[in-house]
């Protein structure tokens, strides 16, 4: 685990899936009990598609649409589910194809892999074991739908890495070539881009896919989190990073996207853009002039974690919870300097010094903002989590110059590009070979 990740653990839940418990709770609080849909809907077992012999039912599609709506905070209604249904059906068909190929190639994805992922989601959100399944059922979402999605993501990633074979090994010559190309673009404008790619596999469905893509654009502009939507619907390999494409120049983008990105203000969401193979939605997160050496704010930080003896229930804190909070508040008011922070007794395996941290790359944003404004040698306010309370202190804040495009960054970019090409080729081939019967 990267050293900065240790610092961010308390504040950074899992992307997309970790959002589900909080959103589900909020939706449940807003929805009258009588409005909850019945698990047994008429026609819920109706078959909508058969994919190489595997069936896709009405219940499965409705559950996936509800899962998307819960993750994004979209109000659940029959109209929303109806609008989502055609594209959700296509995504589930693609997921079936991927799972079938993973099975055919005997790529292992065990029930324990799924259970560990679910347990991690629950642990990061302070939920007891089994709570996530209960919340899914309470929202009329079949837990198997989430499990299948997790299984497909794990298996597809493992399979692509295996299929790359020798191409997964990036040579020093490849790395040096990528760095040379990056330096050749010095002075050009770079864009920090998030993307959602929705393919058009059949020309006859282009109008339908376009309508769905515009619906997604509307939801994004109404506040749905871009990273969550990308994880749910994007068919690019960047989906697993919430659609994060990283810093790119216009030469690295599709021409249609480059023409729009160059005119977009930071924070904007594009309309659906027709590109080779489908539609793309992009958001511009940042803009800068490319240079080999970049200014960086480097932090030296200390952290003190005070664990709870049991999980915190905010509605019913124990005496131990109150005692830990009082201690954290007292330390926040009295500690001065990193030497005093280092001298505090500790328990657990969290290091006092997480190592050098670059402020500009720290995530999530609230953590970055906290450390940017914290006075040197003064502790933060207590940061409360289900497991305990965290205090942070900045020991030094220095300006430095760093190589922005390192050998490791070059290696990751090359590997990502190769995986992306392979993934799109394989998905098209699976579609071409498949026997898919859709039913109205």
Protein backbone atom coordinates (compact mmCIF):
# COMPACT_ATOMS: atom_id res chain seq x y z
CA UNK A 1 0.00 0.00 0.00
CA UNK A 2 1.39 3.48 -0.87
CA UNK A 3 2.39 5.45 2.16
CA UNK A 4 -0.02 8.30 1.38
CA UNK A 5 -2.86 5.78 1.28
CA UNK A 6 -2.24 4.98 4.94
CA UNK A 7 -2.89 8.61 5.76
CA UNK A 8 -6.06 8.82 3.67
CA UNK A 9 -7.67 5.57 4.81
CA UNK A 10 -9.99 7.16 7.36
CA UNK A 11 -11.38 9.71 4.90
CA UNK A 12 -11.42 7.78 1.59
CA UNK A 13 -14.17 5.17 1.12
CA UNK A 14 -14.14 2.72 -1.77
CA UNK A 15 -15.04 4.28 -5.07
CA UNK A 16 -18.64 3.79 -6.16
CA UNK A 17 -19.50 0.71 -4.14
CA UNK A 18 -18.75 2.36 -0.82
CA UNK A 19 -21.18 5.14 -1.70
CA UNK A 20 -24.06 2.70 -1.75
CA UNK A 21 -24.66 2.22 2.00
CA UNK A 22 -24.87 5.94 2.79
CA UNK A 23 -27.03 6.72 -0.22
CA UNK A 24 -29.29 3.76 0.52
CA UNK A 25 -29.73 4.96 4.09
CA UNK A 26 -30.54 8.49 2.93
CA UNK A 27 -33.02 7.20 0.36
CA UNK A 28 -34.67 5.00 2.97
CA UNK A 29 -35.00 7.94 5.36
CA UNK A 30 -36.69 10.05 2.68
CA UNK A 31 -39.00 7.26 1.41
CA UNK A 32 -42.15 6.36 3.38
CA UNK A 33 -42.20 2.73 4.43
CA UNK A 34 -45.32 2.05 2.37
CA UNK A 35 -43.56 3.22 -0.79
CA UNK A 36 -40.97 0.45 -0.71
CA UNK A 37 -41.45 -1.77 -3.76
CA UNK A 38 -42.50 -5.33 -3.24
CA UNK A 39 -39.81 -7.93 -3.92
CA UNK A 40 -42.27 -9.96 -5.97
CA UNK A 41 -43.08 -7.75 -8.96
CA UNK A 42 -45.39 -9.13 -11.68
CA UNK A 43 -43.27 -10.31 -14.58
CA UNK A 44 -40.02 -10.03 -12.60
CA UNK A 45 -38.90 -13.43 -13.89
CA UNK A 46 -39.64 -12.54 -17.50
CA UNK A 47 -36.66 -13.29 -19.74
CA UNK A 48 -35.38 -10.20 -21.60
CA UNK A 49 -32.36 -11.79 -23.28
CA UNK A 50 -30.55 -15.09 -23.72
CA UNK A 51 -26.75 -14.79 -24.04
CA UNK A 52 -25.10 -17.99 -25.24
CA UNK A 53 -27.70 -19.88 -23.22
CA UNK A 54 -27.52 -17.67 -20.09
CA UNK A 55 -30.73 -15.78 -19.37
CA UNK A 56 -31.15 -12.14 -18.34
CA UNK A 57 -34.38 -11.50 -16.44
CA UNK A 58 -36.52 -8.43 -15.87
CA UNK A 59 -35.69 -8.59 -12.16
CA UNK A 60 -31.94 -8.51 -12.85
CA UNK A 61 -32.22 -5.42 -15.06
CA UNK A 62 -34.47 -3.58 -12.61
CA UNK A 63 -32.08 -4.37 -9.77
CA UNK A 64 -29.09 -3.05 -11.73
CA UNK A 65 -30.98 0.14 -12.60
CA UNK A 66 -31.82 0.62 -8.92
CA UNK A 67 -28.21 0.00 -7.98
CA UNK A 68 -27.13 2.77 -10.34
CA UNK A 69 -29.83 5.11 -9.06
CA UNK A 70 -28.86 4.50 -5.43
CA UNK A 71 -25.15 5.02 -6.11
CA UNK A 72 -25.72 8.31 -7.92
CA UNK A 73 -28.46 9.66 -5.67
CA UNK A 74 -30.96 9.76 -8.53
CA UNK A 75 -34.55 9.66 -7.28
CA UNK A 76 -36.00 6.22 -7.87
CA UNK A 77 -39.07 6.21 -10.09
CA UNK A 78 -40.54 3.92 -12.75
CA UNK A 79 -39.73 6.56 -15.37
CA UNK A 80 -36.03 6.63 -14.43
CA UNK A 81 -35.83 2.84 -14.45
CA UNK A 82 -37.55 2.71 -17.85
CA UNK A 83 -35.06 5.20 -19.30
CA UNK A 84 -32.11 3.24 -17.89
CA UNK A 85 -33.39 -0.21 -18.90
CA UNK A 86 -32.16 -0.45 -22.56
CA UNK A 87 -28.59 0.53 -21.75
CA UNK A 88 -28.54 -1.48 -18.54
CA UNK A 89 -29.62 -4.51 -20.59
CA UNK A 90 -26.74 -3.99 -23.00
CA UNK A 91 -24.28 -3.63 -20.11
CA UNK A 92 -25.54 -6.79 -18.43
CA UNK A 93 -25.24 -8.67 -21.74
CA UNK A 94 -21.62 -7.51 -22.02
CA UNK A 95 -21.06 -8.58 -18.43
CA UNK A 96 -22.45 -12.04 -19.20
CA UNK A 97 -20.07 -12.31 -22.16
CA UNK A 98 -17.12 -11.31 -20.01
CA UNK A 99 -18.02 -13.77 -17.26
CA UNK A 100 -18.44 -16.54 -19.83
CA UNK A 101 -15.01 -15.82 -21.29
CA UNK A 102 -13.45 -15.65 -17.83
CA UNK A 103 -14.99 -19.05 -17.07
CA UNK A 104 -13.88 -20.50 -20.41
CA UNK A 105 -10.29 -19.43 -19.78
CA UNK A 106 -10.50 -20.78 -16.22
CA UNK A 107 -9.57 -17.48 -14.60
CA UNK A 108 -10.20 -18.05 -10.89
CA UNK A 109 -12.57 -15.68 -9.11
CA UNK A 110 -13.60 -17.35 -5.89
CA UNK A 111 -16.58 -16.70 -3.67
CA UNK A 112 -13.98 -15.65 -1.10
CA UNK A 113 -12.80 -12.87 -3.48
CA UNK A 114 -16.36 -11.55 -3.60
CA UNK A 115 -16.86 -11.95 0.15
CA UNK A 116 -13.63 -10.05 0.88
CA UNK A 117 -14.74 -7.16 -1.33
CA UNK A 118 -18.15 -7.01 0.34
CA UNK A 119 -16.53 -7.21 3.79
CA UNK A 120 -14.16 -4.38 2.84
CA UNK A 121 -17.11 -2.19 1.80
CA UNK A 122 -18.90 -2.88 5.06
CA UNK A 123 -15.75 -2.37 7.14
CA UNK A 124 -14.95 1.00 5.55
CA UNK A 125 -18.49 2.19 6.15
CA UNK A 126 -18.77 0.97 9.74
CA UNK A 127 -21.44 -1.59 8.87
CA UNK A 128 -21.87 -4.93 10.64
CA UNK A 129 -21.41 -8.11 8.62
CA UNK A 130 -24.40 -8.74 6.37
CA UNK A 131 -25.68 -5.16 6.51
CA UNK A 132 -24.91 -4.41 2.86
CA UNK A 133 -26.92 -7.40 1.68
CA UNK A 134 -29.81 -6.33 3.90
CA UNK A 135 -29.71 -2.79 2.50
CA UNK A 136 -29.71 -4.09 -1.07
CA UNK A 137 -32.73 -6.27 -0.38
CA UNK A 138 -34.45 -3.36 1.33
CA UNK A 139 -34.04 -1.35 -1.87
CA UNK A 140 -35.45 -4.28 -3.90
CA UNK A 141 -32.02 -5.01 -5.36
CA UNK A 142 -31.00 -8.63 -5.69
CA UNK A 143 -27.60 -8.95 -3.92
CA UNK A 144 -26.51 -11.36 -6.66
CA UNK A 145 -26.55 -8.43 -9.11
CA UNK A 146 -23.85 -6.62 -7.13
CA UNK A 147 -21.93 -9.86 -6.63
CA UNK A 148 -21.99 -10.56 -10.38
CA UNK A 149 -20.73 -7.06 -11.10
CA UNK A 150 -17.84 -7.48 -8.66
CA UNK A 151 -17.05 -10.92 -10.07
CA UNK A 152 -16.98 -9.57 -13.64
CA UNK A 153 -14.66 -6.69 -12.71
CA UNK A 154 -12.20 -8.92 -10.86
CA UNK A 155 -12.20 -11.69 -13.48
CA UNK A 156 -12.00 -9.37 -16.50
CA UNK A 157 -9.02 -7.53 -15.06
CA UNK A 158 -7.18 -10.75 -14.23
CA UNK A 159 -7.90 -12.17 -17.67
CA UNK A 160 -6.64 -9.09 -19.52
CA UNK A 161 -3.40 -9.09 -17.55
CA UNK A 162 -2.94 -12.77 -18.37
CA UNK A 163 -3.72 -12.27 -22.07
CA UNK A 164 -1.22 -9.44 -22.42
CA UNK A 165 1.55 -11.93 -21.76
CA UNK A 166 4.95 -10.45 -22.73
CA UNK A 167 3.24 -7.12 -23.58
CA UNK A 168 2.63 -6.63 -19.87
CA UNK A 169 6.40 -6.29 -19.43
CA UNK A 170 7.30 -2.71 -20.31
CA UNK A 171 10.88 -2.41 -21.56
CA UNK A 172 13.28 0.38 -20.62
CA UNK A 173 13.29 1.37 -24.29
CA UNK A 174 9.49 1.79 -24.24
CA UNK A 175 9.73 3.90 -21.08
CA UNK A 176 12.46 6.13 -22.44
CA UNK A 177 10.50 6.60 -25.66
CA UNK A 178 7.41 7.66 -23.73
CA UNK A 179 9.43 10.10 -21.62
CA UNK A 180 11.05 11.55 -24.77
CA UNK A 181 7.62 12.04 -26.35
CA UNK A 182 6.40 13.74 -23.19
CA UNK A 183 9.36 16.13 -23.16
CA UNK A 184 8.81 16.91 -26.83
CA UNK A 185 5.39 18.26 -25.87
CA UNK A 186 6.87 20.66 -23.32
CA UNK A 187 5.01 23.97 -23.40
CA UNK A 188 1.83 22.47 -24.83
CA UNK A 189 -1.43 22.67 -22.91
CA UNK A 190 -2.37 19.53 -20.99
CA UNK A 191 -5.84 18.60 -19.79
CA UNK A 192 -6.87 16.52 -16.78
CA UNK A 193 -9.73 14.51 -18.23
CA UNK A 194 -12.38 12.18 -16.88
CA UNK A 195 -14.12 10.02 -19.46
CA UNK A 196 -17.17 7.79 -19.87
CA UNK A 197 -17.16 5.65 -23.02
CA UNK A 198 -20.38 3.97 -24.14
CA UNK A 199 -19.90 1.78 -27.23
CA UNK A 200 -22.18 1.37 -30.22
CA UNK A 201 -21.91 -2.29 -31.15
CA UNK A 202 -24.72 -2.27 -33.71
CA UNK A 203 -25.36 0.74 -36.02
CA UNK A 204 -29.10 0.13 -35.71
CA UNK A 205 -28.92 0.96 -31.97
CA UNK A 206 -26.99 4.23 -32.35
CA UNK A 207 -30.01 6.49 -31.77
CA UNK A 208 -30.96 4.52 -28.65
CA UNK A 209 -27.40 4.67 -27.25
CA UNK A 210 -27.25 8.38 -28.03
CA UNK A 211 -30.47 9.00 -26.07
CA UNK A 212 -29.12 7.07 -23.11
CA UNK A 213 -25.80 8.94 -23.23
CA UNK A 214 -27.62 12.27 -23.18
CA UNK A 215 -29.64 11.01 -20.20
CA UNK A 216 -26.34 10.28 -18.41
CA UNK A 217 -25.10 13.79 -19.28
CA UNK A 218 -28.26 15.24 -17.75
CA UNK A 219 -27.80 13.26 -14.55
CA UNK A 220 -24.15 14.35 -14.31
CA UNK A 221 -25.10 18.00 -14.72
CA UNK A 222 -27.72 17.59 -12.01
CA UNK A 223 -25.00 16.48 -9.60
CA UNK A 224 -24.51 12.73 -9.99
CA UNK A 225 -20.84 11.94 -9.16
CA UNK A 226 -18.85 11.54 -12.38
CA UNK A 227 -16.60 8.83 -10.91
CA UNK A 228 -19.55 6.74 -9.74
CA UNK A 229 -21.32 6.98 -13.11
CA UNK A 230 -18.08 6.10 -14.92
CA UNK A 231 -17.56 3.04 -12.74
CA UNK A 232 -21.13 1.88 -13.41
CA UNK A 233 -21.47 2.57 -17.14
CA UNK A 234 -18.19 3.35 -18.89
CA UNK A 235 -16.81 0.54 -21.03
CA UNK A 236 -13.30 2.02 -21.11
CA UNK A 237 -10.68 0.44 -18.87
CA UNK A 238 -10.44 3.75 -17.02
CA UNK A 239 -13.81 2.87 -15.47
CA UNK A 240 -12.04 1.10 -12.61
CA UNK A 241 -10.37 4.46 -11.77
CA UNK A 242 -13.67 6.32 -11.99
CA UNK A 243 -12.98 7.37 -15.59
CA UNK A 244 -9.71 9.13 -14.75
CA UNK A 245 -7.73 9.52 -17.98
CA UNK A 246 -4.97 11.55 -16.35
CA UNK A 247 -3.08 14.49 -17.87
CA UNK A 248 -3.20 14.37 -21.68
CA UNK A 249 -2.61 16.65 -24.66
CA UNK A 250 -5.04 17.11 -27.52
CA UNK A 251 -2.85 14.79 -29.61
CA UNK A 252 -3.65 11.95 -27.21
CA UNK A 253 -7.42 12.43 -27.48
CA UNK A 254 -9.87 11.53 -30.21
CA UNK A 255 -10.01 14.53 -32.59
CA UNK A 256 -13.69 15.08 -31.80
CA UNK A 257 -12.95 15.16 -28.05
CA UNK A 258 -9.84 17.33 -28.46
CA UNK A 259 -11.80 20.01 -30.31
CA UNK A 260 -14.26 20.27 -27.41
CA UNK A 261 -11.81 19.87 -24.50
CA UNK A 262 -9.77 22.82 -25.76
CA UNK A 263 -12.82 25.09 -25.31
CA UNK A 264 -14.23 23.65 -22.07
CA UNK A 265 -13.98 25.49 -18.75
CA UNK A 266 -12.67 23.52 -15.80
CA UNK A 267 -15.47 21.55 -14.14
CA UNK A 268 -17.67 21.37 -17.24
CA UNK A 269 -19.41 18.22 -18.50
CA UNK A 270 -19.48 17.74 -22.28
CA UNK A 271 -22.43 16.66 -24.37
CA UNK A 272 -22.35 13.16 -25.85
CA UNK A 273 -19.49 13.11 -28.37
CA UNK A 274 -19.58 10.63 -31.26
CA UNK A 275 -16.18 8.97 -31.55
CA UNK A 276 -14.91 5.82 -33.23
CA UNK A 277 -16.77 2.90 -31.69
CA UNK A 278 -19.35 4.78 -29.65
CA UNK A 279 -20.08 7.90 -27.60
CA UNK A 280 -17.84 9.63 -25.10
CA UNK A 281 -18.64 12.01 -22.25
CA UNK A 282 -15.75 13.97 -20.76
CA UNK A 283 -15.27 16.30 -17.86
CA UNK A 284 -12.37 18.73 -17.59
CA UNK A 285 -10.85 18.59 -14.10
CA UNK A 286 -7.82 20.76 -14.72
CA UNK A 287 -5.65 22.51 -17.29
CA UNK A 288 -1.93 23.34 -17.25
CA UNK A 289 1.08 24.02 -19.42
CA UNK A 290 3.16 20.90 -19.84
CA UNK A 291 6.66 21.11 -18.47
CA UNK A 292 9.15 18.47 -17.43
CA UNK A 293 9.74 20.02 -14.02
CA UNK A 294 6.72 21.00 -11.94
CA UNK A 295 6.45 22.88 -8.65
CA UNK A 296 5.24 20.73 -5.80
CA UNK A 297 4.24 21.31 -2.18
CA UNK A 298 5.87 18.60 -0.09
CA UNK A 299 4.56 17.90 3.40
CA UNK A 300 6.03 16.18 6.42
CA UNK A 301 3.08 14.95 8.47
CA UNK A 302 2.44 13.13 11.73
CA UNK A 303 -0.72 11.18 12.50
CA UNK A 304 -2.11 9.87 15.78
CA UNK A 305 -4.92 7.34 15.65
CA UNK A 306 -6.95 6.66 18.79
CA UNK A 307 -8.89 3.42 18.24
CA UNK A 308 -12.30 2.58 19.62
CA UNK A 309 -12.77 -0.72 21.46
CA UNK A 310 -15.95 -1.31 19.44
CA UNK A 311 -17.56 0.12 16.33
CA UNK A 312 -19.09 3.55 16.82
CA UNK A 313 -22.85 3.89 16.55
CA UNK A 314 -23.35 7.69 16.36
CA UNK A 315 -26.82 7.28 17.85
CA UNK A 316 -25.59 5.27 20.84
CA UNK A 317 -21.94 6.02 21.74
CA UNK A 318 -20.47 4.07 24.64
CA UNK A 319 -18.55 5.50 27.56
CA UNK A 320 -15.30 4.42 25.88
CA UNK A 321 -16.27 6.29 22.70
CA UNK A 322 -16.92 9.44 24.73
CA UNK A 323 -13.66 9.04 26.63
CA UNK A 324 -11.65 8.72 23.39
CA UNK A 325 -13.37 11.77 21.92
CA UNK A 326 -12.64 13.81 25.04
CA UNK A 327 -8.98 12.75 24.91
CA UNK A 328 -8.77 13.64 21.20
CA UNK A 329 -10.31 17.07 21.83
CA UNK A 330 -7.91 17.70 24.70
CA UNK A 331 -4.89 16.72 22.59
CA UNK A 332 -6.15 18.87 19.71
CA UNK A 333 -6.14 21.88 22.03
CA UNK A 334 -2.87 21.22 23.88
CA UNK A 335 -0.38 19.47 21.57
CA UNK A 336 2.26 21.78 20.14
CA UNK A 337 4.95 20.61 17.74
CA UNK A 338 5.70 17.26 16.13
CA UNK A 339 7.94 16.16 19.00
CA UNK A 340 4.95 16.19 21.35
CA UNK A 341 2.91 14.36 18.70
CA UNK A 342 5.60 11.68 18.36
CA UNK A 343 5.75 11.23 22.15
CA UNK A 344 2.10 10.16 22.44
CA UNK A 345 1.44 6.48 23.25
CA UNK A 346 0.07 4.53 20.30
CA UNK A 347 -1.71 1.30 19.51
CA UNK A 348 -2.29 -0.42 16.19
CA UNK A 349 -0.11 -0.54 13.08
CA UNK A 350 -0.61 2.97 11.71
CA UNK A 351 2.77 4.70 11.45
CA UNK A 352 3.27 8.04 13.13
CA UNK A 353 5.11 9.26 10.02
CA UNK A 354 3.41 8.25 6.73
CA UNK A 355 6.40 9.59 4.77
CA UNK A 356 6.80 12.53 2.36
CA UNK A 357 3.47 13.60 0.86
CA UNK A 358 2.88 15.71 -2.23
CA UNK A 359 -0.07 17.96 -1.43
CA UNK A 360 -1.29 18.38 -5.02
CA UNK A 361 -1.82 14.66 -5.54
CA UNK A 362 -3.41 13.91 -2.17
CA UNK A 363 -6.92 12.48 -2.15
CA UNK A 364 -9.71 12.89 -1.13
CA UNK A 365 -10.03 16.70 -1.60
CA UNK A 366 -11.25 17.41 1.97
CA UNK A 367 -8.05 15.86 3.31
CA UNK A 368 -5.96 17.90 0.88
CA UNK A 369 -7.75 21.10 1.92
CA UNK A 370 -7.31 20.32 5.60
CA UNK A 371 -3.55 19.80 5.32
CA UNK A 372 -3.14 22.85 3.06
CA UNK A 373 -4.62 25.16 5.68
CA UNK A 374 -3.39 23.52 8.91
CA UNK A 375 -0.83 25.70 10.79
CA UNK A 376 2.60 24.12 11.18
CA UNK A 377 2.91 22.22 14.45
CA UNK A 378 -0.78 22.49 15.35
CA UNK A 379 -3.03 19.40 15.41
CA UNK A 380 -6.17 19.14 13.35
CA UNK A 381 -9.65 18.89 14.77
CA UNK A 382 -10.53 15.24 15.57
CA UNK A 383 -11.50 13.25 12.47
CA UNK A 384 -14.03 10.66 13.60
CA UNK A 385 -14.48 7.30 11.88
CA UNK A 386 -16.33 4.12 12.95
CA UNK A 387 -13.01 2.63 14.12
CA UNK A 388 -11.53 5.55 16.02
CA UNK A 389 -10.37 9.16 15.88
CA UNK A 390 -7.50 10.58 13.84
CA UNK A 391 -5.40 13.66 14.63
CA UNK A 392 -3.09 15.09 11.97
CA UNK A 393 -0.23 17.58 12.26
CA UNK A 394 1.89 19.22 9.54
CA UNK A 395 5.53 19.39 10.58
CA UNK A 396 6.81 21.16 7.47
CA UNK A 397 5.46 22.47 4.19
CA UNK A 398 8.07 23.11 1.49
CA UNK A 399 8.04 24.05 -2.17
CA UNK A 400 10.06 21.72 -4.37
CA UNK A 401 10.50 20.83 -8.00
CA UNK A 402 9.66 17.33 -9.15
CA UNK A 403 9.82 15.35 -12.36
CA UNK A 404 6.14 15.19 -13.30
CA UNK A 405 6.36 12.36 -15.84
CA UNK A 406 8.48 9.73 -14.13
CA UNK A 407 9.51 6.31 -15.39
CA UNK A 408 6.77 4.77 -13.24
CA UNK A 409 4.16 7.13 -14.72
CA UNK A 410 5.36 6.22 -18.22
CA UNK A 411 5.12 2.52 -17.43
CA UNK A 412 1.57 2.88 -16.12
CA UNK A 413 0.47 4.89 -19.15
CA UNK A 414 1.89 2.35 -21.62
CA UNK A 415 0.31 -0.56 -19.77
CA UNK A 416 -3.04 1.22 -19.53
CA UNK A 417 -3.04 1.94 -23.27
CA UNK A 418 -2.22 -1.68 -24.12
CA UNK A 419 -4.92 -3.02 -21.81
CA UNK A 420 -7.45 -0.59 -23.28
CA UNK A 421 -6.75 -1.69 -26.84
CA UNK A 422 -6.95 -5.36 -25.88
CA UNK A 423 -10.16 -4.88 -23.90
CA UNK A 424 -12.00 -3.15 -26.74
CA UNK A 425 -10.83 -5.69 -29.29
CA UNK A 426 -11.85 -8.61 -27.10
CA UNK A 427 -15.27 -7.14 -26.24
CA UNK A 428 -16.05 -6.64 -29.95
CA UNK A 429 -14.92 -10.19 -30.69
CA UNK A 430 -17.08 -11.62 -27.90
CA UNK A 431 -20.09 -9.74 -29.26
CA UNK A 432 -19.37 -10.92 -32.81
CA UNK A 433 -19.15 -14.59 -31.82
CA UNK A 434 -22.06 -14.57 -29.38
CA UNK A 435 -25.54 -15.90 -29.92
CA UNK A 436 -27.73 -13.19 -28.33
CA UNK A 437 -31.50 -13.30 -28.42
CA UNK A 438 -33.34 -10.28 -27.05
CA UNK A 439 -37.04 -10.40 -26.28
CA UNK A 440 -39.47 -7.51 -26.13
